[in-house]
């Protein structure tokens, strides 16, 4: 069964809020730039590891870009495209 975008978004939001924002979910909108505002370069690695483990997919090194992980919205879109490509 394919995950819905809302489920993916909630998983990403929960991870970022708990791991980096100390529960302050109001600091995270769909278009909030993640890098520099929410996570640093180490945080990107942690986010990628979380995505790979939670959604059981592989994120190639060349896919770790500011386009794919710029915002919650772009991260969800990236995960959706990876999941669609698996079917």
Protein backbone atom coordinates (compact mmCIF):
# COMPACT_ATOMS: atom_id res chain seq x y z
CA UNK A 1 0.00 0.00 0.00
CA UNK A 2 1.34 3.38 -1.04
CA UNK A 3 1.75 6.07 1.61
CA UNK A 4 -0.19 9.27 1.09
CA UNK A 5 1.60 12.62 0.85
CA UNK A 6 -0.05 13.74 4.08
CA UNK A 7 1.35 10.72 5.92
CA UNK A 8 4.84 11.33 4.52
CA UNK A 9 4.63 15.00 5.42
CA UNK A 10 3.55 14.20 8.98
CA UNK A 11 6.45 11.77 9.42
CA UNK A 12 8.95 14.39 8.18
CA UNK A 13 7.42 17.13 10.33
CA UNK A 14 7.46 14.93 13.44
CA UNK A 15 11.10 13.97 12.89
CA UNK A 16 12.25 17.56 12.33
CA UNK A 17 10.16 18.95 15.20
CA UNK A 18 11.34 16.37 17.72
CA UNK A 19 14.97 16.15 16.60
CA UNK A 20 15.80 19.79 15.76
CA UNK A 21 13.05 22.17 16.92
CA UNK A 22 12.56 20.88 20.47
CA UNK A 23 8.83 20.42 19.87
CA UNK A 24 8.21 23.87 18.41
CA UNK A 25 6.21 22.73 15.38
CA UNK A 26 4.99 26.29 14.70
CA UNK A 27 8.53 27.11 13.51
CA UNK A 28 8.12 24.75 10.56
CA UNK A 29 5.92 25.68 7.59
CA UNK A 30 5.75 23.86 4.25
CA UNK A 31 8.14 26.35 2.67
CA UNK A 32 10.50 27.10 5.57
CA UNK A 33 14.03 26.65 4.23
CA UNK A 34 15.44 23.72 6.20
CA UNK A 35 19.16 24.23 5.72
CA UNK A 36 20.44 26.95 8.01
CA UNK A 37 17.07 27.51 9.66
CA UNK A 38 16.14 24.08 10.95
CA UNK A 39 19.08 21.79 10.21
CA UNK A 40 22.80 22.12 9.53
CA UNK A 41 24.94 19.88 7.33
CA UNK A 42 24.98 17.16 10.02
CA UNK A 43 21.20 17.49 10.22
CA UNK A 44 20.94 16.84 6.48
CA UNK A 45 22.74 13.54 7.01
CA UNK A 46 20.40 12.65 9.87
CA UNK A 47 17.36 13.55 7.74
CA UNK A 48 18.62 11.42 4.84
CA UNK A 49 19.25 8.46 7.17
CA UNK A 50 15.76 8.88 8.65
CA UNK A 51 14.18 9.00 5.18
CA UNK A 52 16.04 5.88 4.08
CA UNK A 53 15.12 3.91 7.20
CA UNK A 54 11.53 5.11 7.60
CA UNK A 55 10.51 4.78 3.96
CA UNK A 56 12.84 1.87 3.12
CA UNK A 57 14.39 3.53 0.13
CA UNK A 58 17.88 4.41 -0.98
CA UNK A 59 18.95 8.03 -1.35
CA UNK A 60 21.94 8.21 -3.66
CA UNK A 61 24.69 10.74 -2.90
CA UNK A 62 23.84 12.78 -6.00
CA UNK A 63 20.21 13.02 -4.80
CA UNK A 64 21.22 14.82 -1.61
CA UNK A 65 20.69 18.28 -3.07
CA UNK A 66 19.24 21.54 -1.89
CA UNK A 67 16.41 21.00 -4.38
CA UNK A 68 15.38 17.67 -2.85
CA UNK A 69 15.80 18.65 0.80
CA UNK A 70 15.21 22.42 0.74
CA UNK A 71 11.82 22.45 2.48
CA UNK A 72 9.29 20.05 3.95
CA UNK A 73 7.35 20.30 0.70
CA UNK A 74 10.35 19.47 -1.52
CA UNK A 75 11.40 16.62 0.77
CA UNK A 76 7.91 15.09 0.61
CA UNK A 77 7.87 15.46 -3.20
CA UNK A 78 11.28 13.76 -3.43
CA UNK A 79 10.14 10.84 -1.24
CA UNK A 80 6.93 10.47 -3.25
CA UNK A 81 8.86 10.32 -6.52
CA UNK A 82 11.24 7.69 -5.09
CA UNK A 83 8.32 5.59 -3.83
CA UNK A 84 6.48 5.87 -7.17
CA UNK A 85 9.61 4.75 -8.98
CA UNK A 86 9.66 1.55 -6.92
CA UNK A 87 6.30 0.24 -8.01
